Amino acid sequence: MKRTAAMPTAAPHEASGHQSLSTYIQTRFDEFSRSQKDVAQYIVDHLDEVAFQTAEELARRASTSSSTVVRFSQALGFEGFPELQASAREEYRRRVAAGLEGGSAISAQPLFSLDQNEFETAIAADHVNVEETARKVSRSDVEAAIEALAEARRVLVVGTDQMAFFASYLRHLLMLLDVQAEIVASPSQEGLSRLGRLDEETVLVGLSAGRPHPLVVRAMKLARHRKARTIAICDATLSDVAKLAAVQLYYSSNSPAYVRSHTALLSLIQALAYGVYSRDAAKYGDRIKAYRLK
């Protein structure tokens, strides 16, 4: 007997609401468990990679387990990760066809030969991170962040653990421009005291990588309650820190290494400080010259 070819089954999210995979994940984000949210954030921000990664590689990049990736796929209505990946590939192809992905804008000349060693692979990943950050960051958000920092009576930068270094560096760059800036790097009595002085004339900058530290989330909530201006700088657009902030700046942190890459974050911080400087270079010029002569 002649068999009829089986029709491909529509992805659950497409069948129900004709949404893209990314949109469907975002609409259901609050339903997921804590570890599933890590997977969701990575998929939304790195669809091009998810479309071609294994479940194990996705789990490593999202700092979770491959079983969590499978359970997340099933929570979305897929049989498993291969079906979710097929949907990710389809959305990625549509984006490329619509010119929404910037792959063609990248130089055709590779940085290194195909037989890259580990050192070259890490540098190549950082190169891509900076380009992806530049493509995805919103000019209006950047301008709003620069304006807020330049006009602030006081800037409070919150960043814990690995983010504490970058919080300190942003404070250093702003202090060179005579912007009063302080940092909160831990829930110490001194740090909590600085948070307690949040008011409408303060700009709070929250730094986050991966799953945000509870202190940064609480600081954002307090800032909103006190009507302080808020800026989030993080590597996940669905981060709780980003959702609480008035201005969100995303940076890419992909890395083949055992830790996240912060090259794009460093570039973003320096660019923000330069943006503040450029608003009135003549005003800041003498101060910077004096610093360089030290």
Protein backbone atom coordinates (compact mmCIF):
# COMPACT_ATOMS: atom_id res chain seq x y z
CA MET A 1 0.00 0.00 0.00
CA LYS A 2 1.32 3.41 -0.89
CA ARG A 3 2.29 5.52 2.11
CA THR A 4 1.60 9.22 2.23
CA ALA A 5 4.42 11.44 3.39
CA ALA A 6 3.96 12.69 6.92
CA MET A 7 3.42 16.42 7.16
CA PRO A 8 5.89 18.23 9.42
CA THR A 9 4.39 19.08 12.78
CA ALA A 10 4.29 22.78 13.62
CA ALA A 11 6.23 23.85 16.64
CA PRO A 12 3.94 24.26 19.69
CA HIS A 13 4.41 28.01 19.89
CA GLU A 14 3.79 28.45 16.17
CA ALA A 15 0.69 26.31 16.19
CA SER A 16 -0.87 28.19 19.11
CA GLY A 17 -0.02 31.80 18.41
CA HIS A 18 2.20 32.06 15.32
CA GLN A 19 4.94 33.52 17.48
CA SER A 20 8.65 33.16 16.94
CA LEU A 21 10.51 30.95 19.41
CA SER A 22 12.16 33.99 21.03
CA THR A 23 8.85 35.79 21.48
CA TYR A 24 7.18 32.69 22.89
CA ILE A 25 9.96 32.21 25.42
CA GLN A 26 9.72 35.84 26.51
CA THR A 27 5.96 35.67 27.02
CA ARG A 28 6.32 32.60 29.25
CA PHE A 29 9.55 33.61 30.98
CA ASP A 30 8.06 34.13 34.44
CA GLU A 31 6.68 30.56 34.45
CA PHE A 32 10.11 28.91 34.26
CA SER A 33 12.21 27.62 37.13
CA ARG A 34 15.37 29.47 38.09
CA SER A 35 17.66 27.18 36.08
CA GLN A 36 15.27 27.16 33.11
CA LYS A 37 15.38 30.96 33.07
CA ASP A 38 19.15 30.73 32.55
CA VAL A 39 18.52 28.60 29.45
CA ALA A 40 15.76 30.94 28.26
CA GLN A 41 17.97 34.01 28.57
CA TYR A 42 20.76 32.39 26.61
CA ILE A 43 18.47 31.23 23.79
CA VAL A 44 16.85 34.65 23.34
CA ASP A 45 20.18 36.49 23.25
CA HIS A 46 22.19 33.91 21.26
CA LEU A 47 19.74 32.37 18.83
CA ASP A 48 22.38 32.06 16.12
CA GLU A 49 24.51 29.84 18.35
CA VAL A 50 21.64 27.79 19.78
CA ALA A 51 20.59 26.89 16.25
CA PHE A 52 23.79 24.88 15.80
CA GLN A 53 24.94 23.89 19.31
CA THR A 54 24.47 20.55 21.02
CA ALA A 55 22.37 20.38 24.18
CA GLU A 56 25.57 19.83 26.17
CA GLU A 57 27.21 22.94 24.71
CA LEU A 58 24.10 25.05 25.33
CA ALA A 59 24.01 23.79 28.93
CA ARG A 60 27.66 24.77 29.44
CA ARG A 61 27.12 28.25 28.00
CA ALA A 62 24.00 28.75 30.15
CA SER A 63 25.79 27.45 33.27
CA THR A 64 23.34 24.60 33.80
CA SER A 65 22.92 20.89 32.97
CA SER A 66 21.91 19.17 29.73
CA SER A 67 18.95 17.61 31.54
CA THR A 68 17.70 21.12 32.35
CA VAL A 69 17.95 21.99 28.64
CA VAL A 70 15.84 18.94 27.78
CA ARG A 71 13.26 19.71 30.48
CA PHE A 72 13.09 23.32 29.28
CA SER A 73 12.43 22.11 25.73
CA GLN A 74 9.62 19.90 26.99
CA ALA A 75 8.20 22.73 29.09
CA LEU A 76 7.79 24.69 25.85
CA GLY A 77 5.86 21.78 24.31
CA PHE A 78 8.64 20.17 22.26
CA GLU A 79 9.46 16.48 22.46
CA GLY A 80 13.08 17.33 23.20
CA PHE A 81 15.98 19.59 22.39
CA PRO A 82 16.29 18.60 18.67
CA GLU A 83 12.77 19.93 18.03
CA LEU A 84 13.51 23.16 19.89
CA GLN A 85 16.73 23.55 17.92
CA ALA A 86 14.88 23.05 14.63
CA SER A 87 12.57 25.91 15.62
CA ALA A 88 15.59 28.07 16.54
CA ARG A 89 17.15 27.35 13.14
CA GLU A 90 13.95 28.30 11.36
CA GLU A 91 13.71 31.61 13.21
CA TYR A 92 17.41 32.30 12.58
CA ARG A 93 16.97 31.65 8.84
CA ARG A 94 14.02 34.05 8.76
CA ARG A 95 16.10 36.71 10.50
CA VAL A 96 18.96 36.29 8.05
CA ALA A 97 16.57 36.47 5.10
CA ALA A 98 15.05 39.63 6.54
CA GLY A 99 18.48 41.17 7.10
CA LEU A 100 18.03 41.24 10.89
CA GLU A 101 21.18 39.26 11.61
CA GLY A 102 24.48 41.09 11.15
CA GLY A 103 26.55 38.13 10.01
CA SER A 104 27.06 39.58 6.53
CA ALA A 105 28.40 42.79 8.03
CA ILE A 106 31.34 40.98 9.58
CA SER A 107 34.52 41.01 7.55
CA ALA A 108 34.86 37.96 5.34
CA GLN A 109 38.52 37.75 6.28
CA PRO A 110 38.86 35.59 9.42
CA LEU A 111 41.09 36.75 12.25
CA PHE A 112 42.98 33.46 12.35
CA SER A 113 43.37 30.33 10.26
CA LEU A 114 40.85 27.50 10.60
CA ASP A 115 43.18 25.48 12.82
CA GLN A 116 42.94 27.96 15.69
CA ASN A 117 44.59 27.17 18.98
CA GLU A 118 42.85 27.90 22.28
CA PHE A 119 44.43 31.34 22.59
CA GLU A 120 43.28 32.41 19.12
CA THR A 121 39.81 30.95 19.64
CA ALA A 122 39.32 33.03 22.79
CA ILE A 123 40.47 36.24 21.08
CA ALA A 124 38.24 35.54 18.08
CA ALA A 125 35.28 35.08 20.43
CA ASP A 126 36.00 38.45 22.07
CA HIS A 127 36.16 40.07 18.64
CA VAL A 128 32.69 38.73 17.88
CA ASN A 129 31.43 39.82 21.32
CA VAL A 130 32.36 43.44 20.71
CA GLU A 131 30.73 43.40 17.27
CA GLU A 132 27.56 41.78 18.56
CA THR A 133 27.35 44.29 21.41
CA ALA A 134 27.76 47.18 18.98
CA ARG A 135 24.98 45.80 16.76
CA LYS A 136 22.49 45.13 19.54
CA VAL A 137 22.94 48.15 21.78
CA SER A 138 20.32 50.84 21.27
CA ARG A 139 21.57 54.34 20.44
CA SER A 140 18.64 55.89 22.29
CA ASP A 141 19.47 53.87 25.42
CA VAL A 142 23.15 54.83 25.16
CA GLU A 143 22.28 58.51 24.83
CA ALA A 144 19.88 58.27 27.77
CA ALA A 145 22.56 56.59 29.91
CA ILE A 146 25.19 59.20 29.01
CA GLU A 147 22.78 62.05 29.75
CA ALA A 148 21.85 60.53 33.11
CA LEU A 149 25.49 60.05 34.14
CA ALA A 150 26.53 63.53 32.99
CA GLU A 151 23.71 65.29 34.82
CA ALA A 152 23.65 63.19 37.98
CA ARG A 153 24.36 64.78 41.33
CA ARG A 154 25.51 61.36 42.52
CA VAL A 155 26.13 58.01 40.78
CA LEU A 156 25.94 54.72 42.65
CA VAL A 157 27.37 51.67 40.84
CA VAL A 158 26.32 48.26 42.16
CA GLY A 159 28.27 45.16 41.14
CA THR A 160 29.20 42.11 43.18
CA ASP A 161 31.78 39.33 42.78
CA GLN A 162 33.39 39.58 39.32
CA MET A 163 31.33 42.69 38.56
CA ALA A 164 32.91 44.53 41.49
CA PHE A 165 36.02 45.22 39.41
CA PHE A 166 34.00 46.80 36.60
CA ALA A 167 31.95 48.81 39.10
CA SER A 168 35.19 50.17 40.52
CA TYR A 169 36.55 50.94 37.05
CA LEU A 170 33.39 52.83 36.01
CA ARG A 171 33.62 54.80 39.25
CA HIS A 172 37.26 55.61 38.46
CA LEU A 173 36.43 56.87 34.96
CA LEU A 174 33.58 59.04 36.25
CA MET A 175 35.64 60.45 39.10
CA LEU A 176 38.22 61.60 36.53
CA LEU A 177 35.42 63.74 35.09
CA ASP A 178 34.53 65.10 38.54
CA VAL A 179 31.32 63.07 38.68
CA GLN A 180 30.59 62.04 42.27
CA ALA A 181 30.46 58.25 42.11
CA GLU A 182 30.39 55.48 44.71
CA ILE A 183 30.23 51.70 44.50
CA VAL A 184 28.41 48.94 46.36
CA ALA A 185 30.23 45.62 45.94
CA SER A 186 28.83 43.64 48.89
CA PRO A 187 25.99 43.72 51.43
CA SER A 188 28.30 45.28 54.01
CA GLN A 189 27.12 47.92 56.45
CA GLU A 190 28.89 50.59 54.41
CA GLY A 191 27.33 49.37 51.15
CA LEU A 192 23.84 49.22 52.64
CA SER A 193 24.35 52.71 54.05
CA ARG A 194 25.12 54.00 50.53
CA LEU A 195 21.98 52.33 49.20
CA GLY A 196 20.03 53.94 52.03
CA ARG A 197 20.93 57.38 50.66
CA LEU A 198 19.31 56.74 47.27
CA ASP A 199 17.09 59.60 46.17
CA GLU A 200 15.67 61.27 43.06
CA GLU A 201 19.00 62.96 42.30
CA THR A 202 20.93 59.67 42.28
CA VAL A 203 21.62 57.51 39.24
CA LEU A 204 21.91 53.81 40.04
CA VAL A 205 23.95 51.63 37.66
CA GLY A 206 23.48 47.89 38.12
CA LEU A 207 26.08 45.49 36.64
CA SER A 208 25.15 41.86 36.12
CA ALA A 209 26.56 38.75 34.43
CA GLY A 210 24.39 35.67 34.10
CA ARG A 211 22.06 35.16 37.03
CA PRO A 212 22.00 38.52 38.89
CA HIS A 213 23.09 38.75 42.50
CA PRO A 214 20.14 39.39 44.88
CA LEU A 215 21.84 42.56 46.13
CA VAL A 216 21.78 44.10 42.63
CA VAL A 217 18.10 43.19 42.18
CA ARG A 218 17.19 44.68 45.58
CA ALA A 219 19.14 47.82 44.78
CA MET A 220 17.19 48.24 41.53
CA LYS A 221 13.87 47.78 43.31
CA LEU A 222 14.84 50.30 45.98
CA ALA A 223 15.97 52.80 43.34
CA ARG A 224 12.63 52.54 41.56
CA HIS A 225 10.80 53.04 44.86
CA ARG A 226 12.92 56.12 45.62
CA LYS A 227 12.39 57.40 42.04
CA ALA A 228 16.11 57.34 41.26
CA ARG A 229 17.18 56.99 37.61
CA THR A 230 18.30 53.44 36.82
CA ILE A 231 20.70 51.93 34.26
CA ALA A 232 21.26 48.19 33.81
CA ILE A 233 24.37 46.81 32.10
CA CYS A 234 24.04 43.06 31.71
CA ASP A 235 24.61 40.13 29.36
CA ALA A 236 21.00 38.89 29.38
CA THR A 237 18.13 40.96 28.02
CA LEU A 238 15.66 38.98 30.15
CA SER A 239 17.64 39.56 33.34
CA ASP A 240 15.65 40.74 36.36
CA VAL A 241 18.07 43.67 36.60
CA ALA A 242 17.35 44.70 33.01
CA LYS A 243 13.59 44.43 33.50
CA LEU A 244 13.70 46.72 36.53
CA ALA A 245 15.87 49.44 34.94
CA ALA A 246 14.69 52.44 32.94
CA VAL A 247 17.69 52.11 30.60
CA GLN A 248 19.07 48.70 29.53
CA LEU A 249 22.48 48.20 27.91
CA TYR A 250 23.25 44.68 26.70
CA TYR A 251 26.71 43.24 26.15
CA SER A 252 27.71 39.85 24.72
CA SER A 253 29.82 37.59 26.96
CA ASN A 254 30.26 34.41 24.92
CA SER A 255 33.50 32.58 25.53
CA PRO A 256 34.94 29.15 24.74
CA ALA A 257 36.79 29.36 28.06
CA TYR A 258 35.60 28.27 31.51
CA VAL A 259 34.54 31.82 32.43
CA ARG A 260 32.41 34.48 30.75
CA SER A 261 34.11 37.06 28.58
CA HIS A 262 33.94 40.67 29.78
CA THR A 263 35.79 42.29 26.90
CA ALA A 264 32.62 43.84 25.49
CA LEU A 265 31.60 45.01 28.97
CA LEU A 266 34.91 46.83 29.40
CA SER A 267 34.49 48.42 25.97
CA LEU A 268 30.94 49.49 26.82
CA ILE A 269 31.98 51.09 30.12
CA GLN A 270 34.83 53.02 28.51
CA ALA A 271 32.54 54.18 25.68
CA LEU A 272 29.98 55.47 28.19
CA ALA A 273 32.64 57.45 30.05
CA TYR A 274 33.94 58.85 26.77
CA GLY A 275 30.37 59.84 25.88
CA VAL A 276 30.14 61.84 29.10
CA TYR A 277 33.53 63.45 28.37
CA SER A 278 32.49 64.35 24.80
CA ARG A 279 29.47 66.31 25.99
CA ASP A 280 31.86 69.04 27.13
CA ALA A 281 35.44 68.14 26.19
CA ALA A 282 36.68 71.66 26.90
CA LYS A 283 35.32 71.50 30.45
CA TYR A 284 37.00 68.20 31.20
CA GLY A 285 40.17 68.77 29.16
CA ASP A 286 42.25 70.53 31.82
CA ARG A 287 41.26 68.01 34.48
CA ILE A 288 42.30 65.06 32.30
CA LYS A 289 45.61 66.75 31.38
CA ALA A 290 46.37 67.27 35.05
CA TYR A 291 45.68 63.61 35.77
CA ARG A 292 47.96 62.47 32.95
CA LEU A 293 50.81 64.57 34.34
CA LYS A 294 50.69 62.77 37.69
